[in-house]
């Protein structure tokens, strides 16, 4: 099995998940900025043209970051970042879905439709006129989460989960491309600082992130 990897917040999230769990895999680098992931050769492997992905020994390709992480956890149950019981797993999946549906997808699309339009306009369907409102929708979701984080170390309580990694890699990325974290969200800010201090947060940044001007 190998990781089809690249620069980007989603590949970084999977790398961070792997490092937190102590998983090491061989990697194949895909040129995201050069649109290699949209080329015929890559799309034959992963029809959605997304990075990252896992390529198994039999040639099967597993994409979608959450599916990838859950598969890796099934193979490597310790340390659990999805959960060690049905209840923990359900709670993690609930928070991942809330984070993605209410926050990260809106913030990512806000970037794609505005600051990232030059990169994405010929790759995905973009709605530039919707960028500002979509960003606001993501911020509304983040404000709701700020209240939910009161008294918690992590999104699901005392245990760090996949939901924390999904949100952290998104917020760290969008803050570097025009969507800074609102300092009035004190619970989110404190949580972000705790995540940002983890060794895996530093170690999983792309080697050339400073050159690109994007934390991914």
N, C-alpha and C. Protein backbone atom coordinates (compact mmCIF):
# COMPACT_ATOMS: atom_id res chain seq x y z
N UNK A 1 0.85 -1.19 0.00
CA UNK A 1 0.00 0.00 0.00
C UNK A 1 0.89 1.24 0.00
N UNK A 2 0.45 2.27 -0.74
CA UNK A 2 1.19 3.54 -0.72
C UNK A 2 0.21 4.71 -0.72
N UNK A 3 0.72 5.84 -0.26
CA UNK A 3 -0.07 7.07 -0.20
C UNK A 3 0.22 7.90 -1.43
N UNK A 4 -0.81 8.23 -2.18
CA UNK A 4 -0.70 9.17 -3.29
C UNK A 4 -0.85 10.55 -2.67
N UNK A 5 0.23 11.29 -2.62
CA UNK A 5 0.34 12.46 -1.77
C UNK A 5 0.65 13.70 -2.60
N UNK A 6 0.47 14.86 -1.98
CA UNK A 6 0.79 16.13 -2.63
C UNK A 6 0.76 17.22 -1.58
N UNK A 7 1.08 18.43 -1.99
CA UNK A 7 0.80 19.59 -1.16
C UNK A 7 -0.72 19.76 -1.08
N UNK A 8 -1.19 20.39 0.00
CA UNK A 8 -2.63 20.64 0.12
C UNK A 8 -3.10 20.33 1.53
N UNK A 9 -4.14 21.00 2.00
CA UNK A 9 -4.62 20.76 3.36
C UNK A 9 -5.19 19.36 3.58
N UNK A 10 -5.83 18.79 2.57
CA UNK A 10 -6.37 17.44 2.75
C UNK A 10 -5.27 16.38 2.80
N UNK A 11 -4.29 16.41 1.90
CA UNK A 11 -3.17 15.49 2.08
C UNK A 11 -2.45 15.68 3.41
N UNK A 12 -2.30 16.94 3.82
CA UNK A 12 -1.65 17.19 5.12
C UNK A 12 -2.44 16.54 6.25
N UNK A 13 -3.77 16.60 6.18
CA UNK A 13 -4.58 16.01 7.24
C UNK A 13 -4.33 14.51 7.35
N UNK A 14 -4.24 13.83 6.22
CA UNK A 14 -3.98 12.39 6.26
C UNK A 14 -2.57 12.12 6.78
N UNK A 15 -1.60 12.94 6.36
CA UNK A 15 -0.24 12.77 6.89
C UNK A 15 -0.22 12.98 8.41
N UNK A 16 -0.97 13.96 8.88
CA UNK A 16 -1.02 14.24 10.32
C UNK A 16 -1.68 13.09 11.06
N UNK A 17 -2.76 12.55 10.50
CA UNK A 17 -3.42 11.38 11.07
C UNK A 17 -2.44 10.23 11.19
N UNK A 18 -1.71 9.98 10.12
CA UNK A 18 -0.75 8.88 10.12
C UNK A 18 0.35 9.10 11.15
N UNK A 19 0.87 10.31 11.24
CA UNK A 19 1.94 10.56 12.20
C UNK A 19 1.44 10.40 13.63
N UNK A 20 0.25 10.91 13.91
CA UNK A 20 -0.29 10.77 15.27
C UNK A 20 -0.45 9.29 15.65
N UNK A 21 -0.71 8.44 14.67
CA UNK A 21 -0.90 7.02 14.94
C UNK A 21 0.38 6.21 14.77
N UNK A 22 1.45 6.84 14.29
CA UNK A 22 2.70 6.12 14.09
C UNK A 22 2.70 5.23 12.86
N UNK A 23 1.92 5.60 11.84
CA UNK A 23 1.84 4.82 10.60
C UNK A 23 2.81 5.41 9.57
N UNK A 24 3.60 4.56 8.96
CA UNK A 24 4.49 4.98 7.89
C UNK A 24 4.16 4.20 6.63
N UNK A 25 4.04 4.92 5.51
CA UNK A 25 3.75 4.30 4.22
C UNK A 25 4.66 4.90 3.16
N UNK A 26 5.02 4.11 2.14
CA UNK A 26 5.69 4.71 1.00
C UNK A 26 4.74 5.69 0.32
N UNK A 27 5.30 6.72 -0.30
CA UNK A 27 4.47 7.74 -0.94
C UNK A 27 4.85 7.92 -2.40
N UNK A 28 3.88 8.35 -3.16
CA UNK A 28 4.10 8.81 -4.54
C UNK A 28 3.58 10.24 -4.61
N UNK A 29 4.45 11.16 -4.97
CA UNK A 29 4.06 12.55 -5.02
C UNK A 29 3.35 12.87 -6.33
N UNK A 30 2.20 13.53 -6.22
CA UNK A 30 1.39 13.96 -7.36
C UNK A 30 1.45 15.49 -7.41
N UNK A 31 1.70 16.04 -8.58
CA UNK A 31 1.85 17.49 -8.73
C UNK A 31 0.48 18.16 -8.79
N UNK A 32 0.02 18.62 -7.63
CA UNK A 32 -1.28 19.28 -7.55
C UNK A 32 -1.30 20.59 -8.32
N UNK A 33 -0.30 21.44 -8.09
CA UNK A 33 -0.29 22.75 -8.75
C UNK A 33 -0.17 22.61 -10.26
N UNK A 34 0.49 21.55 -10.72
CA UNK A 34 0.60 21.31 -12.15
C UNK A 34 -0.57 20.53 -12.73
N UNK A 35 -1.59 20.27 -11.90
CA UNK A 35 -2.83 19.59 -12.32
C UNK A 35 -2.59 18.15 -12.76
N UNK A 36 -1.56 17.52 -12.25
CA UNK A 36 -1.33 16.11 -12.57
C UNK A 36 -2.51 15.25 -12.13
N UNK A 37 -3.16 15.65 -11.04
CA UNK A 37 -4.30 14.88 -10.54
C UNK A 37 -5.52 14.96 -11.44
N UNK A 38 -5.51 15.89 -12.38
CA UNK A 38 -6.63 15.98 -13.33
C UNK A 38 -6.26 15.36 -14.68
N UNK A 39 -5.05 14.86 -14.79
CA UNK A 39 -4.61 14.23 -16.03
C UNK A 39 -5.18 12.84 -16.21
N UNK A 40 -5.14 12.35 -17.43
CA UNK A 40 -5.75 11.05 -17.77
C UNK A 40 -5.17 9.90 -16.96
N UNK A 41 -3.86 9.90 -16.77
CA UNK A 41 -3.22 8.77 -16.07
C UNK A 41 -3.69 8.68 -14.63
N UNK A 42 -3.78 9.84 -13.95
CA UNK A 42 -4.21 9.80 -12.56
C UNK A 42 -5.70 9.51 -12.45
N UNK A 43 -6.50 10.10 -13.32
CA UNK A 43 -7.95 9.91 -13.25
C UNK A 43 -8.32 8.44 -13.49
N UNK A 44 -7.50 7.72 -14.24
CA UNK A 44 -7.75 6.29 -14.41
C UNK A 44 -7.60 5.55 -13.08
N UNK A 45 -6.74 6.06 -12.21
CA UNK A 45 -6.56 5.44 -10.91
C UNK A 45 -7.62 5.92 -9.92
N UNK A 46 -7.92 7.20 -9.96
CA UNK A 46 -8.90 7.79 -9.05
C UNK A 46 -9.82 8.68 -9.88
N UNK A 47 -10.98 8.17 -10.30
CA UNK A 47 -11.85 8.91 -11.22
C UNK A 47 -12.27 10.29 -10.72
N UNK A 48 -12.27 10.51 -9.41
CA UNK A 48 -12.65 11.82 -8.89
C UNK A 48 -11.52 12.85 -9.03
N UNK A 49 -10.32 12.40 -9.36
CA UNK A 49 -9.20 13.30 -9.54
C UNK A 49 -8.75 13.98 -8.27
N UNK A 50 -8.99 13.35 -7.13
CA UNK A 50 -8.66 13.96 -5.84
C UNK A 50 -7.33 13.44 -5.31
N UNK A 51 -6.70 14.29 -4.52
CA UNK A 51 -5.54 13.90 -3.74
C UNK A 51 -5.85 14.29 -2.29
N UNK A 52 -5.49 13.41 -1.36
CA UNK A 52 -4.72 12.18 -1.45
C UNK A 52 -5.59 10.98 -1.79
N UNK A 53 -4.91 9.84 -1.90
CA UNK A 53 -5.59 8.57 -2.06
C UNK A 53 -4.64 7.48 -1.59
N UNK A 54 -5.21 6.33 -1.27
CA UNK A 54 -4.41 5.16 -0.93
C UNK A 54 -4.51 4.16 -2.08
N UNK A 55 -3.37 3.68 -2.53
CA UNK A 55 -3.35 2.64 -3.56
C UNK A 55 -2.91 1.34 -2.90
N UNK A 56 -3.80 0.34 -2.92
CA UNK A 56 -3.53 -0.93 -2.26
C UNK A 56 -2.70 -1.84 -3.16
N UNK A 57 -2.24 -2.93 -2.58
CA UNK A 57 -1.36 -3.85 -3.31
C UNK A 57 -2.04 -4.41 -4.55
N UNK A 58 -3.35 -4.60 -4.50
CA UNK A 58 -4.06 -5.18 -5.65
C UNK A 58 -4.49 -4.13 -6.67
N UNK A 59 -4.09 -2.87 -6.45
CA UNK A 59 -4.43 -1.79 -7.38
C UNK A 59 -5.67 -1.02 -7.00
N UNK A 60 -6.41 -1.49 -6.01
CA UNK A 60 -7.57 -0.75 -5.54
C UNK A 60 -7.14 0.62 -5.01
N UNK A 61 -7.88 1.66 -5.34
CA UNK A 61 -7.59 3.00 -4.86
C UNK A 61 -8.73 3.46 -3.96
N UNK A 62 -8.37 3.85 -2.74
CA UNK A 62 -9.33 4.38 -1.79
C UNK A 62 -9.09 5.88 -1.67
N UNK A 63 -10.09 6.67 -2.00
CA UNK A 63 -10.00 8.12 -1.89
C UNK A 63 -10.98 8.58 -0.81
N UNK A 64 -11.15 9.91 -0.70
CA UNK A 64 -11.95 10.55 0.33
C UNK A 64 -11.22 10.42 1.68
N UNK A 65 -10.80 11.54 2.22
CA UNK A 65 -9.90 11.52 3.37
C UNK A 65 -10.47 10.77 4.58
N UNK A 66 -11.73 10.94 4.88
CA UNK A 66 -12.31 10.27 6.04
C UNK A 66 -12.32 8.76 5.83
N UNK A 67 -12.69 8.31 4.64
CA UNK A 67 -12.68 6.88 4.34
C UNK A 67 -11.27 6.32 4.46
N UNK A 68 -10.29 7.09 3.98
CA UNK A 68 -8.89 6.66 4.07
C UNK A 68 -8.46 6.49 5.52
N UNK A 69 -8.77 7.49 6.33
CA UNK A 69 -8.36 7.44 7.74
C UNK A 69 -9.06 6.32 8.49
N UNK A 70 -10.32 6.10 8.21
CA UNK A 70 -11.03 5.01 8.89
C UNK A 70 -10.45 3.66 8.48
N UNK A 71 -10.09 3.52 7.21
CA UNK A 71 -9.47 2.28 6.74
C UNK A 71 -8.13 2.06 7.45
N UNK A 72 -7.31 3.10 7.53
CA UNK A 72 -6.02 2.98 8.21
C UNK A 72 -6.20 2.65 9.69
N UNK A 73 -7.24 3.21 10.31
CA UNK A 73 -7.47 2.90 11.72
C UNK A 73 -7.93 1.46 11.90
N UNK A 74 -8.72 0.96 10.96
CA UNK A 74 -9.13 -0.45 11.06
C UNK A 74 -7.90 -1.36 11.03
N UNK A 75 -6.89 -0.97 10.24
CA UNK A 75 -5.67 -1.77 10.16
C UNK A 75 -4.74 -1.52 11.35
N UNK A 76 -4.87 -0.33 11.95
CA UNK A 76 -3.97 0.08 13.02
C UNK A 76 -4.80 0.68 14.16
N UNK A 77 -5.46 -0.14 14.97
CA UNK A 77 -6.43 0.37 15.95
C UNK A 77 -5.85 1.30 17.01
N UNK A 78 -4.58 1.17 17.31
CA UNK A 78 -3.95 2.02 18.33
C UNK A 78 -3.05 3.05 17.63
N UNK A 79 -3.00 4.23 18.09
CA UNK A 79 -3.86 4.95 19.01
C UNK A 79 -5.14 5.35 18.29
N UNK A 80 -6.27 5.17 18.93
CA UNK A 80 -7.55 5.39 18.26
C UNK A 80 -7.82 6.88 18.05
N UNK A 81 -8.03 7.26 16.81
CA UNK A 81 -8.43 8.63 16.49
C UNK A 81 -9.84 8.69 15.90
N UNK A 82 -10.40 7.53 15.63
CA UNK A 82 -11.82 7.45 15.30
C UNK A 82 -12.56 6.98 16.55
N UNK A 83 -12.13 5.86 17.10
CA UNK A 83 -12.75 5.41 18.34
C UNK A 83 -12.42 3.97 18.66
N UNK A 84 -12.51 3.64 19.94
CA UNK A 84 -12.24 2.28 20.41
C UNK A 84 -13.51 1.51 20.72
N UNK A 85 -14.66 2.17 20.64
CA UNK A 85 -15.94 1.53 20.92
C UNK A 85 -16.95 2.05 19.90
N UNK A 86 -18.08 1.36 19.75
CA UNK A 86 -19.11 1.86 18.84
C UNK A 86 -19.55 3.28 19.20
N UNK A 87 -19.61 3.57 20.50
CA UNK A 87 -20.06 4.90 20.93
C UNK A 87 -19.04 5.96 20.53
N UNK A 88 -17.75 5.69 20.77
CA UNK A 88 -16.71 6.66 20.39
C UNK A 88 -16.67 6.86 18.89
N UNK A 89 -16.79 5.79 18.14
CA UNK A 89 -16.76 5.90 16.68
C UNK A 89 -17.94 6.73 16.17
N UNK A 90 -19.11 6.50 16.73
CA UNK A 90 -20.29 7.26 16.32
C UNK A 90 -20.13 8.73 16.66
N UNK A 91 -19.58 9.03 17.84
CA UNK A 91 -19.38 10.41 18.24
C UNK A 91 -18.39 11.11 17.32
N UNK A 92 -17.30 10.44 16.98
CA UNK A 92 -16.32 11.02 16.06
C UNK A 92 -16.95 11.30 14.70
N UNK A 93 -17.68 10.33 14.17
CA UNK A 93 -18.29 10.50 12.86
C UNK A 93 -19.32 11.64 12.87
N UNK A 94 -20.04 11.77 13.97
CA UNK A 94 -20.99 12.87 14.10
C UNK A 94 -20.27 14.21 14.00
N UNK A 95 -19.15 14.36 14.73
CA UNK A 95 -18.44 15.63 14.72
C UNK A 95 -17.72 15.88 13.40
N UNK A 96 -17.19 14.84 12.78
CA UNK A 96 -16.58 15.03 11.46
C UNK A 96 -17.61 15.54 10.47
N UNK A 97 -18.78 14.96 10.50
CA UNK A 97 -19.82 15.38 9.56
C UNK A 97 -20.25 16.83 9.84
N UNK A 98 -20.41 17.19 11.10
CA UNK A 98 -20.77 18.57 11.44
C UNK A 98 -19.69 19.55 10.99
N UNK A 99 -18.44 19.20 11.24
CA UNK A 99 -17.33 20.08 10.87
C UNK A 99 -17.27 20.25 9.36
N UNK A 100 -17.39 19.16 8.61
CA UNK A 100 -17.28 19.25 7.15
C UNK A 100 -18.48 19.96 6.53
N UNK A 101 -19.70 19.59 6.96
CA UNK A 101 -20.89 20.17 6.34
C UNK A 101 -21.10 21.63 6.70
N UNK A 102 -20.73 22.01 7.92
CA UNK A 102 -21.04 23.36 8.40
C UNK A 102 -19.87 24.34 8.33
N UNK A 103 -18.65 23.83 8.20
CA UNK A 103 -17.50 24.72 8.28
C UNK A 103 -16.53 24.53 7.11
N UNK A 104 -15.87 23.41 7.07
CA UNK A 104 -14.71 23.30 6.18
C UNK A 104 -15.07 23.37 4.70
N UNK A 105 -16.16 22.72 4.30
CA UNK A 105 -16.51 22.76 2.88
C UNK A 105 -16.80 24.18 2.42
N UNK A 106 -17.41 24.98 3.28
CA UNK A 106 -17.70 26.38 2.92
C UNK A 106 -16.41 27.20 2.85
N UNK A 107 -15.51 27.01 3.81
CA UNK A 107 -14.27 27.78 3.80
C UNK A 107 -13.40 27.39 2.61
N UNK A 108 -13.35 26.11 2.29
CA UNK A 108 -12.58 25.68 1.11
C UNK A 108 -13.18 26.24 -0.18
N UNK A 109 -14.50 26.18 -0.30
CA UNK A 109 -15.12 26.72 -1.51
C UNK A 109 -14.96 28.24 -1.59
N UNK A 110 -15.00 28.91 -0.45
CA UNK A 110 -14.75 30.34 -0.45
C UNK A 110 -13.39 30.66 -1.04
N UNK A 111 -12.39 29.85 -0.71
CA UNK A 111 -11.06 30.02 -1.30
C UNK A 111 -11.07 29.70 -2.79
N UNK A 112 -11.66 28.57 -3.15
CA UNK A 112 -11.67 28.18 -4.57
C UNK A 112 -12.33 29.22 -5.45
N UNK A 113 -13.38 29.87 -4.92
CA UNK A 113 -14.15 30.82 -5.72
C UNK A 113 -13.56 32.23 -5.70
N UNK A 114 -12.57 32.46 -4.84
CA UNK A 114 -12.01 33.82 -4.71
C UNK A 114 -10.50 33.79 -4.88
N UNK A 115 -9.76 33.71 -3.78
CA UNK A 115 -8.30 33.75 -3.86
C UNK A 115 -7.71 32.64 -4.73
N UNK A 116 -8.35 31.48 -4.74
CA UNK A 116 -7.85 30.35 -5.51
C UNK A 116 -8.48 30.19 -6.88
N UNK A 117 -9.23 31.18 -7.32
CA UNK A 117 -9.98 31.04 -8.57
C UNK A 117 -9.07 30.76 -9.76
N UNK A 118 -7.91 31.41 -9.80
CA UNK A 118 -7.01 31.19 -10.93
C UNK A 118 -6.54 29.75 -11.02
N UNK A 119 -6.44 29.09 -9.89
CA UNK A 119 -6.00 27.70 -9.86
C UNK A 119 -7.14 26.74 -10.16
N UNK A 120 -8.36 27.09 -9.72
CA UNK A 120 -9.46 26.12 -9.77
C UNK A 120 -10.48 26.35 -10.87
N UNK A 121 -10.47 27.49 -11.53
CA UNK A 121 -11.56 27.81 -12.45
C UNK A 121 -11.69 26.78 -13.59
N UNK A 122 -10.60 26.16 -13.99
CA UNK A 122 -10.66 25.18 -15.08
C UNK A 122 -10.64 23.74 -14.57
N UNK A 123 -10.74 23.57 -13.24
CA UNK A 123 -10.67 22.23 -12.67
C UNK A 123 -11.99 21.79 -12.04
N UNK A 124 -12.67 22.73 -11.39
CA UNK A 124 -13.96 22.44 -10.77
C UNK A 124 -14.92 23.57 -11.11
N UNK A 125 -16.21 23.30 -10.92
CA UNK A 125 -17.21 24.34 -11.18
C UNK A 125 -17.11 25.39 -10.08
N UNK A 126 -16.84 26.62 -10.46
CA UNK A 126 -16.66 27.71 -9.50
C UNK A 126 -17.77 28.74 -9.63
N UNK A 127 -18.11 29.35 -8.50
CA UNK A 127 -19.16 30.37 -8.46
C UNK A 127 -18.57 31.61 -7.79
N UNK A 128 -17.80 32.40 -8.52
CA UNK A 128 -17.10 33.54 -7.90
C UNK A 128 -18.02 34.50 -7.17
N UNK A 129 -19.21 34.71 -7.70
CA UNK A 129 -20.12 35.67 -7.08
C UNK A 129 -20.65 35.19 -5.73
N UNK A 130 -20.47 33.90 -5.44
CA UNK A 130 -20.96 33.35 -4.17
C UNK A 130 -19.88 33.30 -3.10
N UNK A 131 -18.65 33.68 -3.44
CA UNK A 131 -17.51 33.46 -2.53
C UNK A 131 -17.72 34.10 -1.16
N UNK A 132 -18.11 35.36 -1.12
CA UNK A 132 -18.22 36.07 0.16
C UNK A 132 -19.28 35.44 1.06
N UNK A 133 -20.42 35.10 0.49
CA UNK A 133 -21.50 34.54 1.29
C UNK A 133 -21.15 33.13 1.79
N UNK A 134 -20.45 32.38 0.96
CA UNK A 134 -20.04 31.03 1.38
C UNK A 134 -19.04 31.11 2.53
N UNK A 135 -18.12 32.07 2.44
CA UNK A 135 -17.18 32.27 3.55
C UNK A 135 -17.93 32.61 4.83
N UNK A 136 -18.95 33.47 4.72
CA UNK A 136 -19.73 33.85 5.90
C UNK A 136 -20.45 32.63 6.49
N UNK A 137 -20.94 31.77 5.61
CA UNK A 137 -21.63 30.57 6.09
C UNK A 137 -20.66 29.68 6.89
N UNK A 138 -19.44 29.57 6.41
CA UNK A 138 -18.43 28.81 7.14
C UNK A 138 -18.12 29.44 8.49
N UNK A 139 -18.05 30.76 8.52
CA UNK A 139 -17.79 31.46 9.78
C UNK A 139 -18.94 31.29 10.77
N UNK A 140 -20.16 31.25 10.26
CA UNK A 140 -21.32 31.00 11.13
C UNK A 140 -21.21 29.63 11.79
N UNK A 141 -20.80 28.64 11.01
CA UNK A 141 -20.61 27.30 11.57
C UNK A 141 -19.51 27.29 12.62
N UNK A 142 -18.46 28.06 12.38
CA UNK A 142 -17.36 28.13 13.32
C UNK A 142 -17.78 28.82 14.62
N UNK A 143 -18.61 29.85 14.50
CA UNK A 143 -19.13 30.52 15.70
C UNK A 143 -19.96 29.56 16.54
N UNK A 144 -20.77 28.74 15.88
CA UNK A 144 -21.55 27.74 16.61
C UNK A 144 -20.61 26.77 17.34
N UNK A 145 -19.57 26.33 16.66
CA UNK A 145 -18.63 25.41 17.27
C UNK A 145 -17.90 26.05 18.44
N UNK A 146 -17.65 27.36 18.36
CA UNK A 146 -16.98 28.05 19.46
C UNK A 146 -17.75 27.84 20.78
N UNK A 147 -19.05 27.90 20.71
CA UNK A 147 -19.85 27.64 21.90
C UNK A 147 -19.77 26.19 22.35
N UNK A 148 -19.72 25.27 21.41
CA UNK A 148 -19.65 23.85 21.74
C UNK A 148 -18.32 23.46 22.37
N UNK A 149 -17.27 24.25 22.11
CA UNK A 149 -15.94 23.93 22.62
C UNK A 149 -15.71 24.42 24.05
N UNK A 150 -16.64 25.14 24.61
CA UNK A 150 -16.46 25.65 25.98
C UNK A 150 -16.20 24.50 26.95
N UNK A 151 -15.10 24.60 27.68
CA UNK A 151 -14.76 23.59 28.67
C UNK A 151 -14.17 22.31 28.11
N UNK A 152 -13.90 22.26 26.81
CA UNK A 152 -13.37 21.06 26.18
C UNK A 152 -11.91 21.25 25.75
N UNK A 153 -11.17 20.16 25.76
CA UNK A 153 -9.83 20.17 25.20
C UNK A 153 -9.87 19.98 23.68
N UNK A 154 -10.76 19.10 23.25
CA UNK A 154 -10.89 18.76 21.84
C UNK A 154 -12.36 18.78 21.46
N UNK A 155 -12.64 18.62 20.18
CA UNK A 155 -14.01 18.74 19.71
C UNK A 155 -14.93 17.71 20.35
N UNK A 156 -14.42 16.49 20.53
CA UNK A 156 -15.25 15.44 21.13
C UNK A 156 -15.06 15.33 22.63
N UNK A 157 -14.38 16.29 23.24
CA UNK A 157 -14.18 16.27 24.69
C UNK A 157 -12.72 16.15 25.06
N UNK A 158 -12.38 15.08 25.79
CA UNK A 158 -11.00 14.92 26.27
C UNK A 158 -10.11 14.15 25.30
N UNK A 159 -10.67 13.57 24.26
CA UNK A 159 -9.86 12.79 23.33
C UNK A 159 -9.77 13.49 21.98
N UNK A 160 -8.55 13.54 21.44
CA UNK A 160 -8.38 14.08 20.11
C UNK A 160 -8.88 13.05 19.10
N UNK A 161 -9.58 13.54 18.08
CA UNK A 161 -10.14 12.65 17.08
C UNK A 161 -9.87 13.18 15.67
N UNK A 162 -10.31 12.40 14.73
CA UNK A 162 -10.22 12.79 13.32
C UNK A 162 -10.89 14.14 13.08
N UNK A 163 -11.94 14.47 13.81
CA UNK A 163 -12.63 15.74 13.63
C UNK A 163 -11.70 16.92 13.90
N UNK A 164 -10.83 16.80 14.90
CA UNK A 164 -9.87 17.86 15.21
C UNK A 164 -8.89 18.07 14.06
N UNK A 165 -8.43 16.97 13.48
CA UNK A 165 -7.46 17.08 12.39
C UNK A 165 -8.10 17.69 11.15
N UNK A 166 -9.33 17.29 10.85
CA UNK A 166 -10.04 17.85 9.69
C UNK A 166 -10.17 19.36 9.83
N UNK A 167 -10.61 19.82 10.99
CA UNK A 167 -10.81 21.25 11.18
C UNK A 167 -9.49 22.00 11.27
N UNK A 168 -8.53 21.46 12.00
CA UNK A 168 -7.25 22.17 12.15
C UNK A 168 -6.58 22.43 10.81
N UNK A 169 -6.46 21.41 9.97
CA UNK A 169 -5.76 21.59 8.70
C UNK A 169 -6.48 22.57 7.79
N UNK A 170 -7.80 22.62 7.88
CA UNK A 170 -8.56 23.60 7.11
C UNK A 170 -8.31 25.00 7.63
N UNK A 171 -8.45 25.22 8.93
CA UNK A 171 -8.30 26.56 9.46
C UNK A 171 -6.88 27.09 9.29
N UNK A 172 -5.89 26.22 9.45
CA UNK A 172 -4.51 26.66 9.27
C UNK A 172 -4.27 27.07 7.82
N UNK A 173 -4.86 26.33 6.89
CA UNK A 173 -4.71 26.66 5.47
C UNK A 173 -5.42 27.96 5.11
N UNK A 174 -6.71 28.06 5.44
CA UNK A 174 -7.46 29.24 4.98
C UNK A 174 -6.96 30.52 5.63
N UNK A 175 -6.40 30.42 6.85
CA UNK A 175 -5.84 31.61 7.48
C UNK A 175 -4.68 32.18 6.68
N UNK A 176 -4.00 31.32 5.92
CA UNK A 176 -2.86 31.76 5.11
C UNK A 176 -3.27 32.27 3.74
N UNK A 177 -4.55 32.14 3.41
CA UNK A 177 -5.02 32.55 2.08
C UNK A 177 -6.23 33.47 2.18
N UNK A 178 -6.26 34.31 3.22
CA UNK A 178 -7.27 35.36 3.25
C UNK A 178 -8.45 35.17 4.16
N UNK A 179 -8.47 34.10 4.96
CA UNK A 179 -9.57 33.89 5.90
C UNK A 179 -9.02 33.65 7.30
N UNK A 180 -8.50 34.69 7.93
CA UNK A 180 -7.89 34.52 9.26
C UNK A 180 -8.91 34.14 10.31
N UNK A 181 -8.42 33.50 11.35
CA UNK A 181 -9.27 33.11 12.46
C UNK A 181 -9.73 34.34 13.23
N UNK A 182 -11.02 34.43 13.50
CA UNK A 182 -11.58 35.55 14.25
C UNK A 182 -11.16 35.42 15.72
N UNK A 183 -10.37 36.37 16.24
CA UNK A 183 -9.88 36.25 17.62
C UNK A 183 -10.98 36.31 18.67
N UNK A 184 -12.18 36.78 18.28
CA UNK A 184 -13.27 36.82 19.25
C UNK A 184 -13.78 35.41 19.58
N UNK A 185 -13.47 34.43 18.74
CA UNK A 185 -13.85 33.04 19.02
C UNK A 185 -12.80 32.45 19.94
N UNK A 186 -12.88 32.76 21.21
CA UNK A 186 -11.81 32.43 22.14
C UNK A 186 -11.65 30.93 22.36
N UNK A 187 -12.75 30.19 22.34
CA UNK A 187 -12.63 28.74 22.53
C UNK A 187 -11.98 28.08 21.32
N UNK A 188 -12.37 28.51 20.13
CA UNK A 188 -11.75 27.99 18.91
C UNK A 188 -10.27 28.36 18.89
N UNK A 189 -9.95 29.61 19.26
CA UNK A 189 -8.56 30.06 19.26
C UNK A 189 -7.71 29.23 20.22
N UNK A 190 -8.21 28.97 21.42
CA UNK A 190 -7.46 28.18 22.38
C UNK A 190 -7.27 26.75 21.88
N UNK A 191 -8.34 26.19 21.30
CA UNK A 191 -8.24 24.84 20.72
C UNK A 191 -7.22 24.84 19.58
N UNK A 192 -7.29 25.83 18.70
CA UNK A 192 -6.37 25.90 17.56
C UNK A 192 -4.92 25.96 18.05
N UNK A 193 -4.66 26.76 19.06
CA UNK A 193 -3.30 26.89 19.58
C UNK A 193 -2.80 25.55 20.13
N UNK A 194 -3.68 24.79 20.77
CA UNK A 194 -3.29 23.47 21.27
C UNK A 194 -2.95 22.54 20.12
N UNK A 195 -3.74 22.55 19.08
CA UNK A 195 -3.47 21.71 17.93
C UNK A 195 -2.19 22.16 17.21
N UNK A 196 -2.02 23.46 17.10
CA UNK A 196 -0.88 24.01 16.37
C UNK A 196 0.44 23.68 17.06
N UNK A 197 0.39 23.44 18.37
CA UNK A 197 1.60 23.14 19.13
C UNK A 197 2.02 21.67 19.01
N UNK A 198 1.21 20.83 18.41
CA UNK A 198 1.55 19.42 18.29
C UNK A 198 2.69 19.24 17.29
N UNK A 199 3.56 18.29 17.57
CA UNK A 199 4.70 18.03 16.69
C UNK A 199 4.22 17.67 15.29
N UNK A 200 3.12 16.93 15.21
CA UNK A 200 2.62 16.51 13.90
C UNK A 200 2.16 17.69 13.05
N UNK A 201 1.73 18.77 13.69
CA UNK A 201 1.30 19.95 12.92
C UNK A 201 2.48 20.55 12.18
N UNK A 202 3.62 20.62 12.83
CA UNK A 202 4.81 21.18 12.19
C UNK A 202 5.41 20.21 11.17
N UNK A 203 5.47 18.94 11.53
CA UNK A 203 6.17 17.96 10.70
C UNK A 203 5.47 17.68 9.38
N UNK A 204 4.17 17.92 9.29
CA UNK A 204 3.41 17.50 8.10
C UNK A 204 3.19 18.62 7.09
N UNK A 205 3.71 19.81 7.36
CA UNK A 205 3.63 20.88 6.36
C UNK A 205 4.46 20.50 5.14
N UNK A 206 3.99 20.86 3.95
CA UNK A 206 4.74 20.61 2.73
C UNK A 206 6.09 21.32 2.81
N UNK A 207 7.11 20.71 2.23
CA UNK A 207 8.46 21.26 2.31
C UNK A 207 8.54 22.68 1.77
N UNK A 208 7.75 22.97 0.75
CA UNK A 208 7.83 24.29 0.10
C UNK A 208 6.65 25.19 0.42
N UNK A 209 6.03 24.97 1.59
CA UNK A 209 4.83 25.76 1.90
C UNK A 209 5.14 27.25 1.98
N UNK A 210 6.30 27.62 2.49
CA UNK A 210 6.62 29.04 2.59
C UNK A 210 6.78 29.66 1.21
N UNK A 211 7.41 28.94 0.31
CA UNK A 211 7.55 29.42 -1.06
C UNK A 211 6.19 29.61 -1.71
N UNK A 212 5.26 28.69 -1.45
CA UNK A 212 3.92 28.79 -2.03
C UNK A 212 3.06 29.83 -1.31
N UNK A 213 3.42 30.17 -0.06
CA UNK A 213 2.64 31.13 0.70
C UNK A 213 1.34 30.55 1.23
N UNK A 214 1.29 29.23 1.36
CA UNK A 214 0.08 28.56 1.83
C UNK A 214 0.48 27.47 2.81
N UNK A 215 -0.16 27.45 3.97
CA UNK A 215 0.16 26.43 4.98
C UNK A 215 -0.63 25.16 4.66
N UNK A 216 0.09 24.23 4.05
CA UNK A 216 -0.56 22.98 3.63
C UNK A 216 0.47 21.87 3.49
